[in-house]
């Protein structure tokens, strides 16, 4: 989420809340979490985002640099969250400059001081996945995270913009799936035992009555 603008002289100013626009001469800026929309009002005014001209509309991220004529400013993101969902894999998407939109995937990526991918032996900065967290380590290259200078190791989350030298990368990640709820089956109830007692007693009387009747019938036949 973009919270502030930092002007070239270091002055910081808050971005208006969603629904309100900040007028910038030939352009307007409107917050729309997690980023912001830049609307160009004058296509010939020289509006540039990360070195690329914008003629009409641009979706901005924290860490972008915007130039509107002679006015230049950086977009600053909010502090990173204290907790984040663990991820299983991540990608860095090149933003602006040569190769814009190209993807490089982890789990371990190494960069030189200009932000170009290199071998681990030549790395000034490394982005690696470990324990479900995307960490950036190494201060051998000038780096910024969401517009803020990066002076030590940090944890990246999806949506972050990492700038190394002049190269900018957006962090994209695939989160670990949430554990499925475990359904506990209840044991089947034991079948009820067959009724005895009264029924058995009634059956005995029926047998006895049948025997008595058979004896009477036999007596009548043979009398």
C-alpha atoms as a PDB file:
ATOM      1  CA  UNK A   1       0.000   0.000   0.000  1.00  0.00           C
ATOM      2  CA  UNK A   2       1.295   3.443  -0.937  1.00  0.00           C
ATOM      3  CA  UNK A   3       1.269   5.888   1.943  1.00  0.00           C
ATOM      4  CA  UNK A   4       3.511   8.818   1.019  1.00  0.00           C
ATOM      5  CA  UNK A   5       5.305  10.682  -1.744  1.00  0.00           C
ATOM      6  CA  UNK A   6       8.946  11.646  -1.351  1.00  0.00           C
ATOM      7  CA  UNK A   7      10.023  14.643  -3.409  1.00  0.00           C
ATOM      8  CA  UNK A   8      13.496  15.060  -4.842  1.00  0.00           C
ATOM      9  CA  UNK A   9      14.511  17.339  -1.939  1.00  0.00           C
ATOM     10  CA  UNK A  10      13.505  14.679   0.609  1.00  0.00           C
ATOM     11  CA  UNK A  11      10.196  16.249   1.572  1.00  0.00           C
ATOM     12  CA  UNK A  12       7.504  13.668   2.285  1.00  0.00           C
ATOM     13  CA  UNK A  13       3.776  14.191   1.937  1.00  0.00           C
ATOM     14  CA  UNK A  14       0.873  11.794   2.537  1.00  0.00           C
ATOM     15  CA  UNK A  15      -1.160  10.391  -0.317  1.00  0.00           C
ATOM     16  CA  UNK A  16      -4.866  11.305  -0.041  1.00  0.00           C
ATOM     17  CA  UNK A  17      -7.193   8.472   1.014  1.00  0.00           C
ATOM     18  CA  UNK A  18      -9.050   6.414  -1.613  1.00  0.00           C
ATOM     19  CA  UNK A  19     -11.717   8.434  -3.380  1.00  0.00           C
ATOM     20  CA  UNK A  20      -9.671  11.636  -3.365  1.00  0.00           C
ATOM     21  CA  UNK A  21      -7.227  12.718  -6.073  1.00  0.00           C
ATOM     22  CA  UNK A  22      -3.957  14.570  -5.799  1.00  0.00           C
ATOM     23  CA  UNK A  23      -3.557  17.107  -8.606  1.00  0.00           C
ATOM     24  CA  UNK A  24      -0.076  17.163 -10.148  1.00  0.00           C
ATOM     25  CA  UNK A  25      -0.371  19.804 -12.878  1.00  0.00           C
ATOM     26  CA  UNK A  26      -0.646  17.558 -15.952  1.00  0.00           C
ATOM     27  CA  UNK A  27      -1.664  14.423 -14.001  1.00  0.00           C
ATOM     28  CA  UNK A  28      -3.729  13.170 -11.093  1.00  0.00           C
ATOM     29  CA  UNK A  29      -2.868  10.518  -8.535  1.00  0.00           C
ATOM     30  CA  UNK A  30      -5.485   8.451  -6.703  1.00  0.00           C
ATOM     31  CA  UNK A  31      -4.836   5.800  -4.074  1.00  0.00           C
ATOM     32  CA  UNK A  32      -6.398   2.409  -4.701  1.00  0.00           C
ATOM     33  CA  UNK A  33      -4.929  -0.155  -2.288  1.00  0.00           C
ATOM     34  CA  UNK A  34      -2.584  -1.887  -2.736  1.00  0.00           C
ATOM     35  CA  UNK A  35      -1.325   0.685  -5.279  1.00  0.00           C
ATOM     36  CA  UNK A  36      -2.436   3.889  -6.978  1.00  0.00           C
ATOM     37  CA  UNK A  37      -3.715   5.108 -10.347  1.00  0.00           C
ATOM     38  CA  UNK A  38      -1.928   7.811 -12.295  1.00  0.00           C
ATOM     39  CA  UNK A  39      -4.172   9.607 -14.781  1.00  0.00           C
ATOM     40  CA  UNK A  40      -2.430  11.753 -17.389  1.00  0.00           C
ATOM     41  CA  UNK A  41      -4.372  14.903 -18.272  1.00  0.00           C
ATOM     42  CA  UNK A  42      -1.922  16.225 -20.853  1.00  0.00           C
ATOM     43  CA  UNK A  43      -0.231  13.576 -23.021  1.00  0.00           C
ATOM     44  CA  UNK A  44       2.403  16.067 -24.105  1.00  0.00           C
ATOM     45  CA  UNK A  45       3.475  17.055 -20.607  1.00  0.00           C
ATOM     46  CA  UNK A  46       6.236  14.453 -20.359  1.00  0.00           C
ATOM     47  CA  UNK A  47       4.811  12.112 -17.694  1.00  0.00           C
ATOM     48  CA  UNK A  48       7.249   9.264 -17.011  1.00  0.00           C
ATOM     49  CA  UNK A  49       7.104   6.247 -14.659  1.00  0.00           C
ATOM     50  CA  UNK A  50      10.384   4.460 -13.994  1.00  0.00           C
ATOM     51  CA  UNK A  51      11.824   5.986 -17.149  1.00  0.00           C
ATOM     52  CA  UNK A  52       8.942   4.976 -19.406  1.00  0.00           C
ATOM     53  CA  UNK A  53       6.549   7.581 -20.887  1.00  0.00           C
ATOM     54  CA  UNK A  54       2.891   7.354 -19.893  1.00  0.00           C
ATOM     55  CA  UNK A  55       0.271   8.761 -22.246  1.00  0.00           C
ATOM     56  CA  UNK A  56      -3.005   8.076 -20.464  1.00  0.00           C
ATOM     57  CA  UNK A  57      -3.173   5.768 -17.437  1.00  0.00           C
ATOM     58  CA  UNK A  58      -0.734   3.808 -15.290  1.00  0.00           C
ATOM     59  CA  UNK A  59      -1.055   1.483 -12.313  1.00  0.00           C
ATOM     60  CA  UNK A  60       1.595   2.360  -9.745  1.00  0.00           C
ATOM     61  CA  UNK A  61       3.314   0.383  -7.012  1.00  0.00           C
ATOM     62  CA  UNK A  62       5.182   1.437  -3.911  1.00  0.00           C
ATOM     63  CA  UNK A  63       8.760   2.098  -4.966  1.00  0.00           C
ATOM     64  CA  UNK A  64       7.933   3.606  -8.368  1.00  0.00           C
ATOM     65  CA  UNK A  65       9.504   6.887  -9.449  1.00  0.00           C
ATOM     66  CA  UNK A  66       7.189   9.313 -11.215  1.00  0.00           C
ATOM     67  CA  UNK A  67       8.163  12.414 -13.162  1.00  0.00           C
ATOM     68  CA  UNK A  68       5.555  14.958 -14.198  1.00  0.00           C
ATOM     69  CA  UNK A  69       7.427  17.602 -16.139  1.00  0.00           C
ATOM     70  CA  UNK A  70      10.071  18.965 -13.747  1.00  0.00           C
ATOM     71  CA  UNK A  71       8.407  17.398 -10.698  1.00  0.00           C
ATOM     72  CA  UNK A  72       9.915  14.054  -9.622  1.00  0.00           C
ATOM     73  CA  UNK A  73       8.870  11.937  -6.650  1.00  0.00           C
ATOM     74  CA  UNK A  74       9.060   8.393  -5.302  1.00  0.00           C
ATOM     75  CA  UNK A  75       6.102   6.429  -3.944  1.00  0.00           C
ATOM     76  CA  UNK A  76       6.686   5.067  -0.454  1.00  0.00           C
ATOM     77  CA  UNK A  77       5.000   1.936   0.844  1.00  0.00           C
ATOM     78  CA  UNK A  78       3.686   1.102   4.282  1.00  0.00           C
ATOM     79  CA  UNK A  79       5.870  -0.785   6.745  1.00  0.00           C
ATOM     80  CA  UNK A  80       5.927  -4.539   6.063  1.00  0.00           C
ATOM     81  CA  UNK A  81       3.399  -6.659   7.996  1.00  0.00           C
ATOM     82  CA  UNK A  82       4.549  -8.396  11.144  1.00  0.00           C
ATOM     83  CA  UNK A  83       3.272 -11.720   9.868  1.00  0.00           C
ATOM     84  CA  UNK A  84       2.863 -13.136   6.393  1.00  0.00           C
ATOM     85  CA  UNK A  85       1.619 -16.410   4.994  1.00  0.00           C
ATOM     86  CA  UNK A  86       4.425 -18.868   4.198  1.00  0.00           C
ATOM     87  CA  UNK A  87       5.121 -19.322   0.496  1.00  0.00           C
ATOM     88  CA  UNK A  88       6.187 -22.364  -1.499  1.00  0.00           C
ATOM     89  CA  UNK A  89       7.777 -20.518  -4.452  1.00  0.00           C
ATOM     90  CA  UNK A  90       8.355 -16.991  -5.735  1.00  0.00           C
ATOM     91  CA  UNK A  91       9.013 -14.981  -8.893  1.00  0.00           C
ATOM     92  CA  UNK A  92      10.539 -11.584  -9.524  1.00  0.00           C
ATOM     93  CA  UNK A  93       8.931  -9.637 -12.361  1.00  0.00           C
ATOM     94  CA  UNK A  94      11.073  -6.986 -14.039  1.00  0.00           C
ATOM     95  CA  UNK A  95       9.398  -3.592 -13.938  1.00  0.00           C
ATOM     96  CA  UNK A  96      10.484  -0.832 -16.290  1.00  0.00           C
ATOM     97  CA  UNK A  97      13.597  -0.619 -18.414  1.00  0.00           C
ATOM     98  CA  UNK A  98      14.919  -3.301 -20.730  1.00  0.00           C
ATOM     99  CA  UNK A  99      13.196  -6.635 -20.254  1.00  0.00           C
ATOM    100  CA  UNK A 100      10.141  -5.148 -18.535  1.00  0.00           C
ATOM    101  CA  UNK A 101       7.644  -7.869 -17.675  1.00  0.00           C
ATOM    102  CA  UNK A 102      10.171 -10.713 -17.839  1.00  0.00           C
ATOM    103  CA  UNK A 103      10.203 -13.223 -14.998  1.00  0.00           C
ATOM    104  CA  UNK A 104      12.960 -14.910 -13.044  1.00  0.00           C
ATOM    105  CA  UNK A 105      12.150 -17.560 -10.479  1.00  0.00           C
ATOM    106  CA  UNK A 106      13.779 -18.755  -7.274  1.00  0.00           C
ATOM    107  CA  UNK A 107      14.370 -20.383  -4.944  1.00  0.00           C
ATOM    108  CA  UNK A 108      17.731 -18.549  -4.949  1.00  0.00           C
ATOM    109  CA  UNK A 109      18.510 -15.476  -7.079  1.00  0.00           C
ATOM    110  CA  UNK A 110      21.757 -13.508  -7.117  1.00  0.00           C
ATOM    111  CA  UNK A 111      22.263  -9.956  -8.399  1.00  0.00           C
ATOM    112  CA  UNK A 112      25.161  -7.619  -9.025  1.00  0.00           C
ATOM    113  CA  UNK A 113      25.270  -3.967  -8.009  1.00  0.00           C
ATOM    114  CA  UNK A 114      23.185  -2.946 -11.030  1.00  0.00           C
ATOM    115  CA  UNK A 115      20.443  -5.451 -10.306  1.00  0.00           C
ATOM    116  CA  UNK A 116      21.353  -7.892 -13.061  1.00  0.00           C
ATOM    117  CA  UNK A 117      21.143 -11.644 -12.372  1.00  0.00           C
ATOM    118  CA  UNK A 118      24.601 -13.177 -11.856  1.00  0.00           C
ATOM    119  CA  UNK A 119      26.157 -16.307 -10.413  1.00  0.00           C
ATOM    120  CA  UNK A 120      26.279 -16.731  -6.654  1.00  0.00           C
ATOM    121  CA  UNK A 121      30.037 -16.136  -6.641  1.00  0.00           C
ATOM    122  CA  UNK A 122      29.591 -12.659  -8.155  1.00  0.00           C
ATOM    123  CA  UNK A 123      26.540 -11.675  -6.108  1.00  0.00           C
ATOM    124  CA  UNK A 124      26.254  -8.383  -4.255  1.00  0.00           C
ATOM    125  CA  UNK A 125      22.715  -9.190  -3.123  1.00  0.00           C
ATOM    126  CA  UNK A 126      20.774 -12.446  -2.856  1.00  0.00           C
ATOM    127  CA  UNK A 127      17.048 -13.172  -2.722  1.00  0.00           C
ATOM    128  CA  UNK A 128      16.280 -16.657  -1.442  1.00  0.00           C
ATOM    129  CA  UNK A 129      13.381 -18.749  -0.165  1.00  0.00           C
ATOM    130  CA  UNK A 130      13.923 -20.469   3.166  1.00  0.00           C
ATOM    131  CA  UNK A 131      11.396 -21.818   5.629  1.00  0.00           C
ATOM    132  CA  UNK A 132       8.482 -20.351   3.714  1.00  0.00           C
ATOM    133  CA  UNK A 133       9.952 -16.825   3.817  1.00  0.00           C
ATOM    134  CA  UNK A 134      11.523 -14.784   1.003  1.00  0.00           C
ATOM    135  CA  UNK A 135      14.625 -13.117   2.374  1.00  0.00           C
ATOM    136  CA  UNK A 136      16.932 -10.542   0.819  1.00  0.00           C
ATOM    137  CA  UNK A 137      20.485 -10.532   2.112  1.00  0.00           C
ATOM    138  CA  UNK A 138      23.641  -8.610   1.334  1.00  0.00           C
ATOM    139  CA  UNK A 139      24.312  -4.883   1.324  1.00  0.00           C
ATOM    140  CA  UNK A 140      26.927  -4.866  -1.406  1.00  0.00           C
ATOM    141  CA  UNK A 141      24.494  -3.129  -3.771  1.00  0.00           C
ATOM    142  CA  UNK A 142      22.369   0.009  -3.388  1.00  0.00           C
ATOM    143  CA  UNK A 143      18.861  -1.306  -2.795  1.00  0.00           C
ATOM    144  CA  UNK A 144      15.416  -0.009  -1.863  1.00  0.00           C
ATOM    145  CA  UNK A 145      12.305  -1.816  -0.681  1.00  0.00           C
ATOM    146  CA  UNK A 146       9.001  -0.118  -1.534  1.00  0.00           C
ATOM    147  CA  UNK A 147      10.875   3.148  -1.896  1.00  0.00           C
ATOM    148  CA  UNK A 148      12.730   2.904   1.423  1.00  0.00           C
ATOM    149  CA  UNK A 149      16.537   2.455   1.489  1.00  0.00           C
ATOM    150  CA  UNK A 150      17.509  -1.109   2.358  1.00  0.00           C
ATOM    151  CA  UNK A 151      20.498  -1.159   4.688  1.00  0.00           C
ATOM    152  CA  UNK A 152      20.164  -4.668   6.127  1.00  0.00           C
ATOM    153  CA  UNK A 153      18.556  -8.024   5.536  1.00  0.00           C
ATOM    154  CA  UNK A 154      14.782  -8.012   5.090  1.00  0.00           C
ATOM    155  CA  UNK A 155      11.804 -10.270   4.421  1.00  0.00           C
ATOM    156  CA  UNK A 156       9.826  -9.771   1.212  1.00  0.00           C
ATOM    157  CA  UNK A 157       6.114 -10.379   0.729  1.00  0.00           C
ATOM    158  CA  UNK A 158       4.045 -10.590  -2.472  1.00  0.00           C
ATOM    159  CA  UNK A 159       3.455  -7.131  -3.918  1.00  0.00           C
ATOM    160  CA  UNK A 160       6.746  -5.669  -2.684  1.00  0.00           C
ATOM    161  CA  UNK A 161       8.945  -3.788  -5.120  1.00  0.00           C
ATOM    162  CA  UNK A 162      12.676  -4.329  -4.771  1.00  0.00           C
ATOM    163  CA  UNK A 163      14.992  -1.901  -6.492  1.00  0.00           C
ATOM    164  CA  UNK A 164      18.614  -2.896  -6.959  1.00  0.00           C
ATOM    165  CA  UNK A 165      20.685  -0.182  -8.587  1.00  0.00           C
ATOM    166  CA  UNK A 166      18.361   0.970 -11.363  1.00  0.00           C
ATOM    167  CA  UNK A 167      16.610  -2.367 -11.829  1.00  0.00           C
ATOM    168  CA  UNK A 168      13.181  -2.831 -10.285  1.00  0.00           C
ATOM    169  CA  UNK A 169      11.456  -6.114  -9.493  1.00  0.00           C
ATOM    170  CA  UNK A 170       7.975  -6.921  -8.229  1.00  0.00           C
ATOM    171  CA  UNK A 171       7.670  -9.875  -5.886  1.00  0.00           C
ATOM    172  CA  UNK A 172       5.119 -12.534  -6.796  1.00  0.00           C
ATOM    173  CA  UNK A 173       4.666 -15.704  -4.781  1.00  0.00           C
ATOM    174  CA  UNK A 174       2.577 -18.837  -4.480  1.00  0.00           C
ATOM    175  CA  UNK A 175       1.417 -19.329  -0.911  1.00  0.00           C
ATOM    176  CA  UNK A 176       1.404 -22.643   0.859  1.00  0.00           C
ATOM    177  CA  UNK A 177      -2.081 -24.200   0.877  1.00  0.00           C
ATOM    178  CA  UNK A 178      -4.021 -23.952   4.097  1.00  0.00           C
ATOM    179  CA  UNK A 179      -4.253 -27.270   5.966  1.00  0.00           C
ATOM    180  CA  UNK A 180      -7.513 -29.046   5.310  1.00  0.00           C
ATOM    181  CA  UNK A 181      -9.748 -29.550   8.344  1.00  0.00           C
ATOM    182  CA  UNK A 182      -9.599 -33.078   9.704  1.00  0.00           C
ATOM    183  CA  UNK A 183     -12.976 -34.772   9.922  1.00  0.00           C
ATOM    184  CA  UNK A 184     -13.163 -37.104  12.892  1.00  0.00           C
ATOM    185  CA  UNK A 185     -15.415 -40.077  12.387  1.00  0.00           C
ATOM    186  CA  UNK A 186     -17.374 -41.193  15.420  1.00  0.00           C
ATOM    187  CA  UNK A 187     -17.308 -44.951  16.119  1.00  0.00           C
ATOM    188  CA  UNK A 188     -20.444 -46.785  15.022  1.00  0.00           C
ATOM    189  CA  UNK A 189     -22.833 -47.595  17.837  1.00  0.00           C
ATOM    190  CA  UNK A 190     -22.967 -51.237  18.907  1.00  0.00           C
ATOM    191  CA  UNK A 191     -26.148 -52.965  17.713  1.00  0.00           C
ATOM    192  CA  UNK A 192     -28.728 -53.411  20.412  1.00  0.00           C
ATOM    193  CA  UNK A 193     -28.829 -56.981  21.763  1.00  0.00           C
ATOM    194  CA  UNK A 194     -31.953 -58.955  20.900  1.00  0.00           C
ATOM    195  CA  UNK A 195     -34.685 -58.663  23.429  1.00  0.00           C
ATOM    196  CA  UNK A 196     -35.089 -61.663  25.697  1.00  0.00           C
ATOM    197  CA  UNK A 197     -36.875 -61.718  28.990  1.00  0.00           C
ATOM    198  CA  UNK A 198     -40.620 -61.165  28.419  1.00  0.00           C
ATOM    199  CA  UNK A 199     -40.647 -62.373  24.815  1.00  0.00           C
ATOM    200  CA  UNK A 200     -38.919 -65.646  25.680  1.00  0.00           C
ATOM    201  CA  UNK A 201     -41.400 -66.241  28.482  1.00  0.00           C
ATOM    202  CA  UNK A 202     -44.353 -65.657  26.146  1.00  0.00           C
ATOM    203  CA  UNK A 203     -42.898 -68.061  23.583  1.00  0.00           C
ATOM    204  CA  UNK A 204     -42.594 -70.756  26.253  1.00  0.00           C
ATOM    205  CA  UNK A 205     -46.273 -70.448  27.139  1.00  0.00           C
ATOM    206  CA  UNK A 206     -47.240 -70.758  23.477  1.00  0.00           C
ATOM    207  CA  UNK A 207     -45.202 -73.970  23.147  1.00  0.00           C
ATOM    208  CA  UNK A 208     -46.781 -75.365  26.288  1.00  0.00           C
ATOM    209  CA  UNK A 209     -50.276 -74.482  25.071  1.00  0.00           C
ATOM    210  CA  UNK A 210     -49.634 -76.113  21.687  1.00  0.00           C
ATOM    211  CA  UNK A 211     -48.464 -79.304  23.407  1.00  0.00           C
ATOM    212  CA  UNK A 212     -51.602 -79.404  25.565  1.00  0.00           C
ATOM    213  CA  UNK A 213     -53.853 -78.928  22.557  1.00  0.00           C
ATOM    214  CA  UNK A 214     -52.021 -81.669  20.638  1.00  0.00           C
ATOM    215  CA  UNK A 215     -52.521 -84.037  23.557  1.00  0.00           C
ATOM    216  CA  UNK A 216     -56.248 -83.253  23.754  1.00  0.00           C
ATOM    217  CA  UNK A 217     -56.698 -83.768  20.040  1.00  0.00           C
ATOM    218  CA  UNK A 218     -54.884 -87.112  20.207  1.00  0.00           C
ATOM    219  CA  UNK A 219     -57.068 -88.189  23.122  1.00  0.00           C
ATOM    220  CA  UNK A 220     -60.236 -87.368  21.239  1.00  0.00           C
ATOM    221  CA  UNK A 221     -59.068 -89.291  18.148  1.00  0.00           C
ATOM    222  CA  UNK A 222     -58.147 -92.455  20.007  1.00  0.00           C
ATOM    223  CA  UNK A 223     -61.046 -92.455  22.492  1.00  0.00           C
END
